[in-house]
Amino acid sequence: MLQVTDDAAAAFKLIADHAQIQGETFRVERSPGTDDEDGRTIRVQPVESAQPGDVAAEAPGIDVYVAPDLADALGESVIDARMTSAGAELTLRSKE
């Protein structure tokens, strides 16, 4: 199961605030227009609810769902974040 750190959860909330979207539900999905089979090009989108087949991630204080075509590839991963002068920088790494 994908894990989301506290810092990444805070970054997700900033994404929603920036987009002026209410709620704390997000979806990790393949970026449109990419054919990257191993899912290296992904995005996080605020959503109203999970889509059919989505897999829940482990996230503190928010709901995060992973698109079914990425669930296996990201299952042993962690999304983390750090703040930079340009905003939140998300990183994806293997679980330790």
C-alpha atoms as a PDB file:
ATOM      1  CA  MET A   1       0.000   0.000   0.000  1.00  0.00           C
ATOM      2  CA  LEU A   2       1.328   3.441  -0.928  1.00  0.00           C
ATOM      3  CA  GLN A   3       2.247   5.524   2.117  1.00  0.00           C
ATOM      4  CA  VAL A   4       1.921   9.312   2.267  1.00  0.00           C
ATOM      5  CA  THR A   5       4.095  11.163   4.794  1.00  0.00           C
ATOM      6  CA  ASP A   6       2.843  13.984   7.005  1.00  0.00           C
ATOM      7  CA  ASP A   7       4.765  16.482   4.854  1.00  0.00           C
ATOM      8  CA  ALA A   8       3.251  15.127   1.654  1.00  0.00           C
ATOM      9  CA  ALA A   9      -0.257  15.231   3.158  1.00  0.00           C
ATOM     10  CA  ALA A  10       0.326  18.896   4.014  1.00  0.00           C
ATOM     11  CA  ALA A  11       1.515  19.505   0.439  1.00  0.00           C
ATOM     12  CA  PHE A  12      -1.611  17.829  -0.940  1.00  0.00           C
ATOM     13  CA  LYS A  13      -3.726  20.184   1.154  1.00  0.00           C
ATOM     14  CA  LEU A  14      -1.796  23.125  -0.316  1.00  0.00           C
ATOM     15  CA  ILE A  15      -2.584  21.813  -3.802  1.00  0.00           C
ATOM     16  CA  ALA A  16      -6.291  21.828  -2.963  1.00  0.00           C
ATOM     17  CA  ASP A  17      -6.096  25.276  -1.370  1.00  0.00           C
ATOM     18  CA  HIS A  18      -4.282  26.655  -4.415  1.00  0.00           C
ATOM     19  CA  ALA A  19      -6.949  25.197  -6.699  1.00  0.00           C
ATOM     20  CA  GLN A  20      -9.638  26.560  -4.335  1.00  0.00           C
ATOM     21  CA  ILE A  21     -11.115  23.102  -3.900  1.00  0.00           C
ATOM     22  CA  GLN A  22     -12.817  22.090  -0.674  1.00  0.00           C
ATOM     23  CA  GLY A  23     -12.169  18.672   0.800  1.00  0.00           C
ATOM     24  CA  GLU A  24      -9.302  16.414   1.625  1.00  0.00           C
ATOM     25  CA  THR A  25      -9.591  13.609  -0.915  1.00  0.00           C
ATOM     26  CA  PHE A  26      -6.894  13.094  -3.534  1.00  0.00           C
ATOM     27  CA  ARG A  27      -6.101  10.727  -6.370  1.00  0.00           C
ATOM     28  CA  VAL A  28      -2.663   9.628  -7.553  1.00  0.00           C
ATOM     29  CA  GLU A  29      -2.865   8.885 -11.263  1.00  0.00           C
ATOM     30  CA  ARG A  30      -0.809   8.688 -14.412  1.00  0.00           C
ATOM     31  CA  SER A  31      -0.252  12.098 -15.968  1.00  0.00           C
ATOM     32  CA  PRO A  32      -2.336  12.595 -19.119  1.00  0.00           C
ATOM     33  CA  GLY A  33      -0.511  12.085 -22.381  1.00  0.00           C
ATOM     34  CA  THR A  34       2.168   9.804 -20.925  1.00  0.00           C
ATOM     35  CA  ASP A  35       2.770   6.229 -21.923  1.00  0.00           C
ATOM     36  CA  ASP A  36       5.322   5.590 -19.212  1.00  0.00           C
ATOM     37  CA  GLU A  37       4.595   1.950 -18.361  1.00  0.00           C
ATOM     38  CA  ASP A  38       6.281   2.021 -14.962  1.00  0.00           C
ATOM     39  CA  GLY A  39       4.285   5.031 -13.790  1.00  0.00           C
ATOM     40  CA  ARG A  40       7.177   7.455 -13.320  1.00  0.00           C
ATOM     41  CA  THR A  41       5.112  10.380 -14.538  1.00  0.00           C
ATOM     42  CA  ILE A  42       2.261  10.733 -12.091  1.00  0.00           C
ATOM     43  CA  ARG A  43       0.148  13.539 -10.684  1.00  0.00           C
ATOM     44  CA  VAL A  44      -1.901  14.194  -7.590  1.00  0.00           C
ATOM     45  CA  GLN A  45      -5.373  15.608  -8.138  1.00  0.00           C
ATOM     46  CA  PRO A  46      -7.971  16.764  -5.619  1.00  0.00           C
ATOM     47  CA  VAL A  47     -11.156  14.744  -6.203  1.00  0.00           C
ATOM     48  CA  GLU A  48     -14.587  14.393  -4.652  1.00  0.00           C
ATOM     49  CA  SER A  49     -14.317  10.632  -4.204  1.00  0.00           C
ATOM     50  CA  ALA A  50     -12.482   7.514  -5.306  1.00  0.00           C
ATOM     51  CA  GLN A  51     -13.144   6.100  -8.745  1.00  0.00           C
ATOM     52  CA  PRO A  52     -14.107   2.456  -9.272  1.00  0.00           C
ATOM     53  CA  GLY A  53     -11.071   0.220  -8.793  1.00  0.00           C
ATOM     54  CA  ASP A  54      -9.000   2.828  -6.940  1.00  0.00           C
ATOM     55  CA  VAL A  55      -6.860   1.557  -4.075  1.00  0.00           C
ATOM     56  CA  ALA A  56      -6.671   3.421  -0.773  1.00  0.00           C
ATOM     57  CA  ALA A  57      -3.269   4.692   0.341  1.00  0.00           C
ATOM     58  CA  GLU A  58      -2.095   5.120   3.925  1.00  0.00           C
ATOM     59  CA  ALA A  59      -2.249   8.875   4.541  1.00  0.00           C
ATOM     60  CA  PRO A  60      -2.445  10.919   7.756  1.00  0.00           C
ATOM     61  CA  GLY A  61      -5.563  13.075   8.021  1.00  0.00           C
ATOM     62  CA  ILE A  62      -6.583  12.913   4.355  1.00  0.00           C
ATOM     63  CA  ASP A  63      -8.000  10.351   1.930  1.00  0.00           C
ATOM     64  CA  VAL A  64      -5.666   9.354  -0.887  1.00  0.00           C
ATOM     65  CA  TYR A  65      -6.526   6.864  -3.606  1.00  0.00           C
ATOM     66  CA  VAL A  66      -4.268   5.343  -6.241  1.00  0.00           C
ATOM     67  CA  ALA A  67      -5.488   4.632  -9.764  1.00  0.00           C
ATOM     68  CA  PRO A  68      -5.708   0.873 -10.356  1.00  0.00           C
ATOM     69  CA  ASP A  69      -3.103   0.945 -13.157  1.00  0.00           C
ATOM     70  CA  LEU A  70      -0.528   2.333 -10.683  1.00  0.00           C
ATOM     71  CA  ALA A  71      -1.497   0.497  -7.498  1.00  0.00           C
ATOM     72  CA  ASP A  72       0.920  -2.421  -7.946  1.00  0.00           C
ATOM     73  CA  ALA A  73       3.827  -0.252  -9.111  1.00  0.00           C
ATOM     74  CA  LEU A  74       3.432   2.154  -6.170  1.00  0.00           C
ATOM     75  CA  GLY A  75       2.409  -0.397  -3.555  1.00  0.00           C
ATOM     76  CA  GLU A  76       5.813  -0.478  -1.855  1.00  0.00           C
ATOM     77  CA  SER A  77       6.462   3.259  -2.174  1.00  0.00           C
ATOM     78  CA  VAL A  78       6.296   6.383  -0.038  1.00  0.00           C
ATOM     79  CA  ILE A  79       5.359   9.868  -1.238  1.00  0.00           C
ATOM     80  CA  ASP A  80       7.206  12.560   0.688  1.00  0.00           C
ATOM     81  CA  ALA A  81       7.478  16.327   0.236  1.00  0.00           C
ATOM     82  CA  ARG A  82       9.616  19.284   1.128  1.00  0.00           C
ATOM     83  CA  MET A  83       8.885  22.935   0.730  1.00  0.00           C
ATOM     84  CA  THR A  84      11.026  24.948  -1.679  1.00  0.00           C
ATOM     85  CA  SER A  85      10.891  28.563  -2.818  1.00  0.00           C
ATOM     86  CA  ALA A  86       8.823  27.338  -5.774  1.00  0.00           C
ATOM     87  CA  GLY A  87       6.361  25.434  -3.580  1.00  0.00           C
ATOM     88  CA  ALA A  88       6.068  21.800  -2.562  1.00  0.00           C
ATOM     89  CA  GLU A  89       8.430  19.312  -4.152  1.00  0.00           C
ATOM     90  CA  LEU A  90       7.070  15.770  -4.056  1.00  0.00           C
ATOM     91  CA  THR A  91       9.361  12.760  -4.101  1.00  0.00           C
ATOM     92  CA  LEU A  92       8.625   9.090  -4.487  1.00  0.00           C
ATOM     93  CA  ARG A  93      10.873   6.512  -2.833  1.00  0.00           C
ATOM     94  CA  SER A  94      10.832   2.871  -1.829  1.00  0.00           C
ATOM     95  CA  LYS A  95       9.725   1.938   1.683  1.00  0.00           C
ATOM     96  CA  GLU A  96      12.688   1.432   4.003  1.00  0.00           C
END
